[in-house]
């Protein structure tokens, strides 16, 4: 379980880096994680 949680943090960090590099806005999820999205439909 510990090993799986570490892998999750690494993947989430990679997504954040991609979002910063390519200009994709980032939002926090309900569990405290960070999710990258490219949806232009949201006003925010």
ModelCIF file with pLDDT and N, C-alpha, C, O atoms, coordinates in Angstrom:
data_MODEL
#
_entry.id   MODEL 
#
_entity.id                         1 
_entity.type                       polymer 
_entity.pdbx_number_of_molecules   1 
#
_entity_poly.entity_id                      1 
_entity_poly.type                           'polypeptide(L)' 
_entity_poly.nstd_linkage                   no 
_entity_poly.nstd_monomer                   no 
_entity_poly.pdbx_seq_one_letter_code       
;(UNK)(UNK)(UNK)(UNK)(UNK)(UNK)(UNK)(UNK)(UNK)(UNK)(UNK)(UNK)(UNK)(UNK)(UNK)(UNK)
(UNK)(UNK)(UNK)(UNK)(UNK)(UNK)(UNK)(UNK)(UNK)(UNK)(UNK)(UNK)(UNK)(UNK)(UNK)(UNK)
(UNK)(UNK)(UNK)(UNK)(UNK)(UNK)(UNK)(UNK)(UNK)(UNK)(UNK)(UNK)
;
_entity_poly.pdbx_seq_one_letter_code_can   XXXXXXXXXXXXXXXXXXXXXXXXXXXXXXXXXXXXXXXXXXXX 
_entity_poly.pdbx_strand_id                 A 
#
loop_
_entity_poly_seq.entity_id 
_entity_poly_seq.num 
_entity_poly_seq.mon_id 
_entity_poly_seq.hetero 
1 1  UNK n 
1 2  UNK n 
1 3  UNK n 
1 4  UNK n 
1 5  UNK n 
1 6  UNK n 
1 7  UNK n 
1 8  UNK n 
1 9  UNK n 
1 10 UNK n 
1 11 UNK n 
1 12 UNK n 
1 13 UNK n 
1 14 UNK n 
1 15 UNK n 
1 16 UNK n 
1 17 UNK n 
1 18 UNK n 
1 19 UNK n 
1 20 UNK n 
1 21 UNK n 
1 22 UNK n 
1 23 UNK n 
1 24 UNK n 
1 25 UNK n 
1 26 UNK n 
1 27 UNK n 
1 28 UNK n 
1 29 UNK n 
1 30 UNK n 
1 31 UNK n 
1 32 UNK n 
1 33 UNK n 
1 34 UNK n 
1 35 UNK n 
1 36 UNK n 
1 37 UNK n 
1 38 UNK n 
1 39 UNK n 
1 40 UNK n 
1 41 UNK n 
1 42 UNK n 
1 43 UNK n 
1 44 UNK n 
#
_struct_asym.id          A 
_struct_asym.entity_id   1 
#
loop_
_ma_qa_metric.id 
_ma_qa_metric.mode 
_ma_qa_metric.name 
_ma_qa_metric.software_group_id 
_ma_qa_metric.type 
1 global pLDDT . pLDDT 
2 local  pLDDT . pLDDT 
#
_ma_qa_metric_global.metric_id      1 
_ma_qa_metric_global.metric_value   37.41 
_ma_qa_metric_global.model_id       1 
_ma_qa_metric_global.ordinal_id     1 
#
loop_
_ma_qa_metric_local.label_asym_id 
_ma_qa_metric_local.label_comp_id 
_ma_qa_metric_local.label_seq_id 
_ma_qa_metric_local.metric_id 
_ma_qa_metric_local.metric_value 
_ma_qa_metric_local.model_id 
_ma_qa_metric_local.ordinal_id 
A UNK 1  2 37.00 1 1  
A UNK 2  2 35.00 1 2  
A UNK 3  2 42.00 1 3  
A UNK 4  2 44.00 1 4  
A UNK 5  2 42.00 1 5  
A UNK 6  2 36.00 1 6  
A UNK 7  2 37.00 1 7  
A UNK 8  2 43.00 1 8  
A UNK 9  2 40.00 1 9  
A UNK 10 2 38.00 1 10 
A UNK 11 2 38.00 1 11 
A UNK 12 2 44.00 1 12 
A UNK 13 2 44.00 1 13 
A UNK 14 2 45.00 1 14 
A UNK 15 2 39.00 1 15 
A UNK 16 2 36.00 1 16 
A UNK 17 2 38.00 1 17 
A UNK 18 2 35.00 1 18 
A UNK 19 2 36.00 1 19 
A UNK 20 2 33.00 1 20 
A UNK 21 2 33.00 1 21 
A UNK 22 2 32.00 1 22 
A UNK 23 2 35.00 1 23 
A UNK 24 2 36.00 1 24 
A UNK 25 2 36.00 1 25 
A UNK 26 2 34.00 1 26 
A UNK 27 2 36.00 1 27 
A UNK 28 2 34.00 1 28 
A UNK 29 2 36.00 1 29 
A UNK 30 2 37.00 1 30 
A UNK 31 2 35.00 1 31 
A UNK 32 2 35.00 1 32 
A UNK 33 2 33.00 1 33 
A UNK 34 2 33.00 1 34 
A UNK 35 2 32.00 1 35 
A UNK 36 2 33.00 1 36 
A UNK 37 2 34.00 1 37 
A UNK 38 2 35.00 1 38 
A UNK 39 2 37.00 1 39 
A UNK 40 2 40.00 1 40 
A UNK 41 2 39.00 1 41 
A UNK 42 2 39.00 1 42 
A UNK 43 2 45.00 1 43 
A UNK 44 2 45.00 1 44 
#
loop_
_atom_site.group_PDB 
_atom_site.id 
_atom_site.type_symbol 
_atom_site.label_atom_id 
_atom_site.label_alt_id 
_atom_site.label_comp_id 
_atom_site.label_asym_id 
_atom_site.label_entity_id 
_atom_site.label_seq_id 
_atom_site.pdbx_PDB_ins_code 
_atom_site.Cartn_x 
_atom_site.Cartn_y 
_atom_site.Cartn_z 
_atom_site.occupancy 
_atom_site.B_iso_or_equiv 
_atom_site.pdbx_formal_charge 
_atom_site.auth_seq_id 
_atom_site.auth_comp_id 
_atom_site.auth_asym_id 
_atom_site.auth_atom_id 
_atom_site.pdbx_PDB_model_num 
ATOM 1   N N  . UNK A 1 1  ? 0.830   -1.207 0.000   1.00 37.00 ? 1  UNK A N  1 
ATOM 2   C CA . UNK A 1 1  ? 0.000   0.000  0.000   1.00 37.00 ? 1  UNK A CA 1 
ATOM 3   C C  . UNK A 1 1  ? 0.860   1.251  0.000   1.00 37.00 ? 1  UNK A C  1 
ATOM 4   O O  . UNK A 1 1  ? 0.552   2.217  -0.698  1.00 37.00 ? 1  UNK A O  1 
ATOM 5   N N  . UNK A 1 2  ? 1.912   1.244  0.759   1.00 35.00 ? 2  UNK A N  1 
ATOM 6   C CA . UNK A 1 2  ? 2.815   2.406  0.826   1.00 35.00 ? 2  UNK A CA 1 
ATOM 7   C C  . UNK A 1 2  ? 3.457   2.625  -0.537  1.00 35.00 ? 2  UNK A C  1 
ATOM 8   O O  . UNK A 1 2  ? 3.532   3.752  -1.026  1.00 35.00 ? 2  UNK A O  1 
ATOM 9   N N  . UNK A 1 3  ? 3.919   1.536  -1.144  1.00 42.00 ? 3  UNK A N  1 
ATOM 10  C CA . UNK A 1 3  ? 4.566   1.663  -2.461  1.00 42.00 ? 3  UNK A CA 1 
ATOM 11  C C  . UNK A 1 3  ? 3.593   2.229  -3.490  1.00 42.00 ? 3  UNK A C  1 
ATOM 12  O O  . UNK A 1 3  ? 3.977   3.058  -4.315  1.00 42.00 ? 3  UNK A O  1 
ATOM 13  N N  . UNK A 1 4  ? 2.353   1.792  -3.449  1.00 44.00 ? 4  UNK A N  1 
ATOM 14  C CA . UNK A 1 4  ? 1.353   2.311  -4.396  1.00 44.00 ? 4  UNK A CA 1 
ATOM 15  C C  . UNK A 1 4  ? 1.110   3.784  -4.200  1.00 44.00 ? 4  UNK A C  1 
ATOM 16  O O  . UNK A 1 4  ? 0.950   4.517  -5.176  1.00 44.00 ? 4  UNK A O  1 
ATOM 17  N N  . UNK A 1 5  ? 1.078   4.245  -2.950  1.00 42.00 ? 5  UNK A N  1 
ATOM 18  C CA . UNK A 1 5  ? 0.842   5.666  -2.677  1.00 42.00 ? 5  UNK A CA 1 
ATOM 19  C C  . UNK A 1 5  ? 1.987   6.515  -3.201  1.00 42.00 ? 5  UNK A C  1 
ATOM 20  O O  . UNK A 1 5  ? 1.760   7.611  -3.713  1.00 42.00 ? 5  UNK A O  1 
ATOM 21  N N  . UNK A 1 6  ? 3.217   6.024  -3.079  1.00 36.00 ? 6  UNK A N  1 
ATOM 22  C CA . UNK A 1 6  ? 4.387   6.753  -3.590  1.00 36.00 ? 6  UNK A CA 1 
ATOM 23  C C  . UNK A 1 6  ? 4.294   6.889  -5.109  1.00 36.00 ? 6  UNK A C  1 
ATOM 24  O O  . UNK A 1 6  ? 4.563   7.960  -5.655  1.00 36.00 ? 6  UNK A O  1 
ATOM 25  N N  . UNK A 1 7  ? 3.914   5.805  -5.795  1.00 37.00 ? 7  UNK A N  1 
ATOM 26  C CA . UNK A 1 7  ? 3.769   5.865  -7.253  1.00 37.00 ? 7  UNK A CA 1 
ATOM 27  C C  . UNK A 1 7  ? 2.726   6.905  -7.646  1.00 37.00 ? 7  UNK A C  1 
ATOM 28  O O  . UNK A 1 7  ? 2.915   7.650  -8.608  1.00 37.00 ? 7  UNK A O  1 
ATOM 29  N N  . UNK A 1 8  ? 1.615   6.954  -6.892  1.00 43.00 ? 8  UNK A N  1 
ATOM 30  C CA . UNK A 1 8  ? 0.551   7.935  -7.177  1.00 43.00 ? 8  UNK A CA 1 
ATOM 31  C C  . UNK A 1 8  ? 1.080   9.355  -7.072  1.00 43.00 ? 8  UNK A C  1 
ATOM 32  O O  . UNK A 1 8  ? 0.761   10.187 -7.922  1.00 43.00 ? 8  UNK A O  1 
ATOM 33  N N  . UNK A 1 9  ? 1.878   9.659  -6.055  1.00 40.00 ? 9  UNK A N  1 
ATOM 34  C CA . UNK A 1 9  ? 2.419   11.005 -5.890  1.00 40.00 ? 9  UNK A CA 1 
ATOM 35  C C  . UNK A 1 9  ? 3.348   11.374 -7.041  1.00 40.00 ? 9  UNK A C  1 
ATOM 36  O O  . UNK A 1 9  ? 3.345   12.511 -7.512  1.00 40.00 ? 9  UNK A O  1 
ATOM 37  N N  . UNK A 1 10 ? 4.143   10.401 -7.488  1.00 38.00 ? 10 UNK A N  1 
ATOM 38  C CA . UNK A 1 10 ? 5.074   10.671 -8.589  1.00 38.00 ? 10 UNK A CA 1 
ATOM 39  C C  . UNK A 1 10 ? 4.301   11.011 -9.869  1.00 38.00 ? 10 UNK A C  1 
ATOM 40  O O  . UNK A 1 10 ? 4.637   11.968 -10.566 1.00 38.00 ? 10 UNK A O  1 
ATOM 41  N N  . UNK A 1 11 ? 3.268   10.225 -10.170 1.00 38.00 ? 11 UNK A N  1 
ATOM 42  C CA . UNK A 1 11 ? 2.463   10.457 -11.379 1.00 38.00 ? 11 UNK A CA 1 
ATOM 43  C C  . UNK A 1 11 ? 1.761   11.800 -11.301 1.00 38.00 ? 11 UNK A C  1 
ATOM 44  O O  . UNK A 1 11 ? 1.738   12.549 -12.278 1.00 38.00 ? 11 UNK A O  1 
ATOM 45  N N  . UNK A 1 12 ? 1.186   12.110 -10.138 1.00 44.00 ? 12 UNK A N  1 
ATOM 46  C CA . UNK A 1 12 ? 0.492   13.395 -9.981  1.00 44.00 ? 12 UNK A CA 1 
ATOM 47  C C  . UNK A 1 12 ? 1.451   14.552 -10.156 1.00 44.00 ? 12 UNK A C  1 
ATOM 48  O O  . UNK A 1 12 ? 1.107   15.560 -10.773 1.00 44.00 ? 12 UNK A O  1 
ATOM 49  N N  . UNK A 1 13 ? 2.651   14.415 -9.617  1.00 44.00 ? 13 UNK A N  1 
ATOM 50  C CA . UNK A 1 13 ? 3.641   15.478 -9.792  1.00 44.00 ? 13 UNK A CA 1 
ATOM 51  C C  . UNK A 1 13 ? 4.009   15.676 -11.248 1.00 44.00 ? 13 UNK A C  1 
ATOM 52  O O  . UNK A 1 13 ? 4.204   16.804 -11.700 1.00 44.00 ? 13 UNK A O  1 
ATOM 53  N N  . UNK A 1 14 ? 4.104   14.565 -11.990 1.00 45.00 ? 14 UNK A N  1 
ATOM 54  C CA . UNK A 1 14 ? 4.416   14.671 -13.421 1.00 45.00 ? 14 UNK A CA 1 
ATOM 55  C C  . UNK A 1 14 ? 3.334   15.408 -14.183 1.00 45.00 ? 14 UNK A C  1 
ATOM 56  O O  . UNK A 1 14 ? 3.634   16.207 -15.070 1.00 45.00 ? 14 UNK A O  1 
ATOM 57  N N  . UNK A 1 15 ? 2.102   15.153 -13.854 1.00 39.00 ? 15 UNK A N  1 
ATOM 58  C CA . UNK A 1 15 ? 0.987   15.840 -14.509 1.00 39.00 ? 15 UNK A CA 1 
ATOM 59  C C  . UNK A 1 15 ? 1.017   17.330 -14.233 1.00 39.00 ? 15 UNK A C  1 
ATOM 60  O O  . UNK A 1 15 ? 0.746   18.134 -15.125 1.00 39.00 ? 15 UNK A O  1 
ATOM 61  N N  . UNK A 1 16 ? 1.340   17.702 -13.024 1.00 36.00 ? 16 UNK A N  1 
ATOM 62  C CA . UNK A 1 16 ? 1.440   19.123 -12.686 1.00 36.00 ? 16 UNK A CA 1 
ATOM 63  C C  . UNK A 1 16 ? 2.530   19.779 -13.515 1.00 36.00 ? 16 UNK A C  1 
ATOM 64  O O  . UNK A 1 16 ? 2.354   20.889 -14.018 1.00 36.00 ? 16 UNK A O  1 
ATOM 65  N N  . UNK A 1 17 ? 3.662   19.089 -13.656 1.00 38.00 ? 17 UNK A N  1 
ATOM 66  C CA . UNK A 1 17 ? 4.764   19.644 -14.448 1.00 38.00 ? 17 UNK A CA 1 
ATOM 67  C C  . UNK A 1 17 ? 4.359   19.847 -15.903 1.00 38.00 ? 17 UNK A C  1 
ATOM 68  O O  . UNK A 1 17 ? 4.679   20.867 -16.513 1.00 38.00 ? 17 UNK A O  1 
ATOM 69  N N  . UNK A 1 18 ? 3.654   18.867 -16.445 1.00 35.00 ? 18 UNK A N  1 
ATOM 70  C CA . UNK A 1 18 ? 3.180   19.011 -17.824 1.00 35.00 ? 18 UNK A CA 1 
ATOM 71  C C  . UNK A 1 18 ? 2.222   20.181 -17.953 1.00 35.00 ? 18 UNK A C  1 
ATOM 72  O O  . UNK A 1 18 ? 2.278   20.937 -18.923 1.00 35.00 ? 18 UNK A O  1 
ATOM 73  N N  . UNK A 1 19 ? 1.347   20.325 -16.977 1.00 36.00 ? 19 UNK A N  1 
ATOM 74  C CA . UNK A 1 19 ? 0.380   21.428 -17.016 1.00 36.00 ? 19 UNK A CA 1 
ATOM 75  C C  . UNK A 1 19 ? 1.077   22.766 -16.993 1.00 36.00 ? 19 UNK A C  1 
ATOM 76  O O  . UNK A 1 19 ? 0.682   23.681 -17.716 1.00 36.00 ? 19 UNK A O  1 
ATOM 77  N N  . UNK A 1 20 ? 2.106   22.899 -16.178 1.00 33.00 ? 20 UNK A N  1 
ATOM 78  C CA . UNK A 1 20 ? 2.846   24.162 -16.104 1.00 33.00 ? 20 UNK A CA 1 
ATOM 79  C C  . UNK A 1 20 ? 3.565   24.428 -17.415 1.00 33.00 ? 20 UNK A C  1 
ATOM 80  O O  . UNK A 1 20 ? 3.557   25.553 -17.914 1.00 33.00 ? 20 UNK A O  1 
ATOM 81  N N  . UNK A 1 21 ? 4.191   23.388 -17.980 1.00 33.00 ? 21 UNK A N  1 
ATOM 82  C CA . UNK A 1 21 ? 4.979   23.565 -19.207 1.00 33.00 ? 21 UNK A CA 1 
ATOM 83  C C  . UNK A 1 21 ? 4.116   23.961 -20.390 1.00 33.00 ? 21 UNK A C  1 
ATOM 84  O O  . UNK A 1 21 ? 4.515   24.819 -21.177 1.00 33.00 ? 21 UNK A O  1 
ATOM 85  N N  . UNK A 1 22 ? 2.922   23.347 -20.537 1.00 32.00 ? 22 UNK A N  1 
ATOM 86  C CA . UNK A 1 22 ? 2.085   23.568 -21.720 1.00 32.00 ? 22 UNK A CA 1 
ATOM 87  C C  . UNK A 1 22 ? 0.919   24.509 -21.470 1.00 32.00 ? 22 UNK A C  1 
ATOM 88  O O  . UNK A 1 22 ? 0.018   24.628 -22.300 1.00 32.00 ? 22 UNK A O  1 
ATOM 89  N N  . UNK A 1 23 ? 0.940   25.185 -20.308 1.00 35.00 ? 23 UNK A N  1 
ATOM 90  C CA . UNK A 1 23 ? -0.040  26.231 -20.077 1.00 35.00 ? 23 UNK A CA 1 
ATOM 91  C C  . UNK A 1 23 ? -1.412  25.726 -19.709 1.00 35.00 ? 23 UNK A C  1 
ATOM 92  O O  . UNK A 1 23 ? -2.380  26.477 -19.834 1.00 35.00 ? 23 UNK A O  1 
ATOM 93  N N  . UNK A 1 24 ? -1.551  24.458 -19.250 1.00 36.00 ? 24 UNK A N  1 
ATOM 94  C CA . UNK A 1 24 ? -2.862  23.952 -18.882 1.00 36.00 ? 24 UNK A CA 1 
ATOM 95  C C  . UNK A 1 24 ? -3.163  24.355 -17.443 1.00 36.00 ? 24 UNK A C  1 
ATOM 96  O O  . UNK A 1 24 ? -2.318  24.194 -16.562 1.00 36.00 ? 24 UNK A O  1 
ATOM 97  N N  . UNK A 1 25 ? -4.386  24.887 -17.197 1.00 36.00 ? 25 UNK A N  1 
ATOM 98  C CA . UNK A 1 25 ? -4.719  25.297 -15.833 1.00 36.00 ? 25 UNK A CA 1 
ATOM 99  C C  . UNK A 1 25 ? -4.794  24.082 -14.913 1.00 36.00 ? 25 UNK A C  1 
ATOM 100 O O  . UNK A 1 25 ? -5.115  22.975 -15.344 1.00 36.00 ? 25 UNK A O  1 
ATOM 101 N N  . UNK A 1 26 ? -4.498  24.309 -13.669 1.00 34.00 ? 26 UNK A N  1 
ATOM 102 C CA . UNK A 1 26 ? -4.504  23.217 -12.688 1.00 34.00 ? 26 UNK A CA 1 
ATOM 103 C C  . UNK A 1 26 ? -5.544  23.495 -11.613 1.00 34.00 ? 26 UNK A C  1 
ATOM 104 O O  . UNK A 1 26 ? -5.738  24.642 -11.211 1.00 34.00 ? 26 UNK A O  1 
ATOM 105 N N  . UNK A 1 27 ? -6.205  22.453 -11.154 1.00 36.00 ? 27 UNK A N  1 
ATOM 106 C CA . UNK A 1 27 ? -7.192  22.582 -10.077 1.00 36.00 ? 27 UNK A CA 1 
ATOM 107 C C  . UNK A 1 27 ? -6.962  21.469 -9.069  1.00 36.00 ? 27 UNK A C  1 
ATOM 108 O O  . UNK A 1 27 ? -6.495  20.385 -9.420  1.00 36.00 ? 27 UNK A O  1 
ATOM 109 N N  . UNK A 1 28 ? -7.286  21.739 -7.842  1.00 34.00 ? 28 UNK A N  1 
ATOM 110 C CA . UNK A 1 28 ? -7.163  20.717 -6.798  1.00 34.00 ? 28 UNK A CA 1 
ATOM 111 C C  . UNK A 1 28 ? -8.411  19.860 -6.786  1.00 34.00 ? 28 UNK A C  1 
ATOM 112 O O  . UNK A 1 28 ? -9.520  20.356 -6.984  1.00 34.00 ? 28 UNK A O  1 
ATOM 113 N N  . UNK A 1 29 ? -8.219  18.536 -6.548  1.00 36.00 ? 29 UNK A N  1 
ATOM 114 C CA . UNK A 1 29 ? -9.395  17.675 -6.474  1.00 36.00 ? 29 UNK A CA 1 
ATOM 115 C C  . UNK A 1 29 ? -9.890  17.603 -5.038  1.00 36.00 ? 29 UNK A C  1 
ATOM 116 O O  . UNK A 1 29 ? -9.281  18.138 -4.112  1.00 36.00 ? 29 UNK A O  1 
ATOM 117 N N  . UNK A 1 30 ? -11.020 16.919 -4.891  1.00 37.00 ? 30 UNK A N  1 
ATOM 118 C CA . UNK A 1 30 ? -11.657 16.891 -3.567  1.00 37.00 ? 30 UNK A CA 1 
ATOM 119 C C  . UNK A 1 30 ? -10.811 16.190 -2.522  1.00 37.00 ? 30 UNK A C  1 
ATOM 120 O O  . UNK A 1 30 ? -11.073 16.329 -1.327  1.00 37.00 ? 30 UNK A O  1 
ATOM 121 N N  . UNK A 1 31 ? -9.794  15.433 -2.946  1.00 35.00 ? 31 UNK A N  1 
ATOM 122 C CA . UNK A 1 31 ? -8.986  14.671 -1.988  1.00 35.00 ? 31 UNK A CA 1 
ATOM 123 C C  . UNK A 1 31 ? -7.633  15.300 -1.761  1.00 35.00 ? 31 UNK A C  1 
ATOM 124 O O  . UNK A 1 31 ? -6.742  14.686 -1.174  1.00 35.00 ? 31 UNK A O  1 
ATOM 125 N N  . UNK A 1 32 ? -7.476  16.541 -2.231  1.00 35.00 ? 32 UNK A N  1 
ATOM 126 C CA . UNK A 1 32 ? -6.211  17.216 -2.000  1.00 35.00 ? 32 UNK A CA 1 
ATOM 127 C C  . UNK A 1 32 ? -5.209  16.996 -3.089  1.00 35.00 ? 32 UNK A C  1 
ATOM 128 O O  . UNK A 1 32 ? -4.128  17.583 -3.054  1.00 35.00 ? 32 UNK A O  1 
ATOM 129 N N  . UNK A 1 33 ? -5.541  16.136 -4.100  1.00 33.00 ? 33 UNK A N  1 
ATOM 130 C CA . UNK A 1 33 ? -4.634  15.918 -5.213  1.00 33.00 ? 33 UNK A CA 1 
ATOM 131 C C  . UNK A 1 33 ? -4.733  17.063 -6.219  1.00 33.00 ? 33 UNK A C  1 
ATOM 132 O O  . UNK A 1 33 ? -5.592  17.931 -6.067  1.00 33.00 ? 33 UNK A O  1 
ATOM 133 N N  . UNK A 1 34 ? -3.869  17.089 -7.252  1.00 33.00 ? 34 UNK A N  1 
ATOM 134 C CA . UNK A 1 34 ? -3.841  18.116 -8.295  1.00 33.00 ? 34 UNK A CA 1 
ATOM 135 C C  . UNK A 1 34 ? -4.106  17.440 -9.629  1.00 33.00 ? 34 UNK A C  1 
ATOM 136 O O  . UNK A 1 34 ? -3.436  16.466 -9.971  1.00 33.00 ? 34 UNK A O  1 
ATOM 137 N N  . UNK A 1 35 ? -5.101  17.955 -10.411 1.00 32.00 ? 35 UNK A N  1 
ATOM 138 C CA . UNK A 1 35 ? -5.469  17.360 -11.692 1.00 32.00 ? 35 UNK A CA 1 
ATOM 139 C C  . UNK A 1 35 ? -5.298  18.382 -12.803 1.00 32.00 ? 35 UNK A C  1 
ATOM 140 O O  . UNK A 1 35 ? -5.755  19.517 -12.668 1.00 32.00 ? 35 UNK A O  1 
ATOM 141 N N  . UNK A 1 36 ? -4.635  17.998 -13.924 1.00 33.00 ? 36 UNK A N  1 
ATOM 142 C CA . UNK A 1 36 ? -4.470  18.887 -15.083 1.00 33.00 ? 36 UNK A CA 1 
ATOM 143 C C  . UNK A 1 36 ? -5.679  18.722 -16.001 1.00 33.00 ? 36 UNK A C  1 
ATOM 144 O O  . UNK A 1 36 ? -6.192  17.615 -16.164 1.00 33.00 ? 36 UNK A O  1 
ATOM 145 N N  . UNK A 1 37 ? -6.142  19.844 -16.612 1.00 34.00 ? 37 UNK A N  1 
ATOM 146 C CA . UNK A 1 37 ? -7.277  19.803 -17.548 1.00 34.00 ? 37 UNK A CA 1 
ATOM 147 C C  . UNK A 1 37 ? -7.056  20.812 -18.660 1.00 34.00 ? 37 UNK A C  1 
ATOM 148 O O  . UNK A 1 37 ? -6.486  21.881 -18.440 1.00 34.00 ? 37 UNK A O  1 
ATOM 149 N N  . UNK A 1 38 ? -7.519  20.457 -19.877 1.00 35.00 ? 38 UNK A N  1 
ATOM 150 C CA . UNK A 1 38 ? -7.390  21.359 -21.028 1.00 35.00 ? 38 UNK A CA 1 
ATOM 151 C C  . UNK A 1 38 ? -8.754  21.823 -21.518 1.00 35.00 ? 38 UNK A C  1 
ATOM 152 O O  . UNK A 1 38 ? -8.862  22.346 -22.627 1.00 35.00 ? 38 UNK A O  1 
ATOM 153 N N  . UNK A 1 39 ? -9.785  21.644 -20.721 1.00 37.00 ? 39 UNK A N  1 
ATOM 154 C CA . UNK A 1 39 ? -11.135 21.997 -21.172 1.00 37.00 ? 39 UNK A CA 1 
ATOM 155 C C  . UNK A 1 39 ? -11.296 23.497 -21.272 1.00 37.00 ? 39 UNK A C  1 
ATOM 156 O O  . UNK A 1 39 ? -11.090 24.202 -20.284 1.00 37.00 ? 39 UNK A O  1 
ATOM 157 N N  . UNK A 1 40 ? -11.675 24.025 -22.483 1.00 40.00 ? 40 UNK A N  1 
ATOM 158 C CA . UNK A 1 40 ? -11.865 25.454 -22.652 1.00 40.00 ? 40 UNK A CA 1 
ATOM 159 C C  . UNK A 1 40 ? -13.285 25.886 -22.312 1.00 40.00 ? 40 UNK A C  1 
ATOM 160 O O  . UNK A 1 40 ? -13.581 27.081 -22.308 1.00 40.00 ? 40 UNK A O  1 
ATOM 161 N N  . UNK A 1 41 ? -14.167 24.930 -22.027 1.00 39.00 ? 41 UNK A N  1 
ATOM 162 C CA . UNK A 1 41 ? -15.568 25.283 -21.849 1.00 39.00 ? 41 UNK A CA 1 
ATOM 163 C C  . UNK A 1 41 ? -15.839 25.943 -20.504 1.00 39.00 ? 41 UNK A C  1 
ATOM 164 O O  . UNK A 1 41 ? -16.786 26.720 -20.384 1.00 39.00 ? 41 UNK A O  1 
ATOM 165 N N  . UNK A 1 42 ? -15.052 25.660 -19.522 1.00 39.00 ? 42 UNK A N  1 
ATOM 166 C CA . UNK A 1 42 ? -15.281 26.243 -18.199 1.00 39.00 ? 42 UNK A CA 1 
ATOM 167 C C  . UNK A 1 42 ? -14.862 27.705 -18.197 1.00 39.00 ? 42 UNK A C  1 
ATOM 168 O O  . UNK A 1 42 ? -13.754 28.031 -18.624 1.00 39.00 ? 42 UNK A O  1 
ATOM 169 N N  . UNK A 1 43 ? -15.740 28.596 -17.718 1.00 45.00 ? 43 UNK A N  1 
ATOM 170 C CA . UNK A 1 43 ? -15.485 30.031 -17.722 1.00 45.00 ? 43 UNK A CA 1 
ATOM 171 C C  . UNK A 1 43 ? -14.228 30.377 -16.946 1.00 45.00 ? 43 UNK A C  1 
ATOM 172 O O  . UNK A 1 43 ? -13.528 31.331 -17.288 1.00 45.00 ? 43 UNK A O  1 
ATOM 173 N N  . UNK A 1 44 ? -13.932 29.600 -15.888 1.00 45.00 ? 44 UNK A N  1 
ATOM 174 C CA . UNK A 1 44 ? -12.794 29.937 -15.027 1.00 45.00 ? 44 UNK A CA 1 
ATOM 175 C C  . UNK A 1 44 ? -11.461 29.527 -15.620 1.00 45.00 ? 44 UNK A C  1 
ATOM 176 O O  . UNK A 1 44 ? -10.418 29.748 -15.005 1.00 45.00 ? 44 UNK A O  1 
#
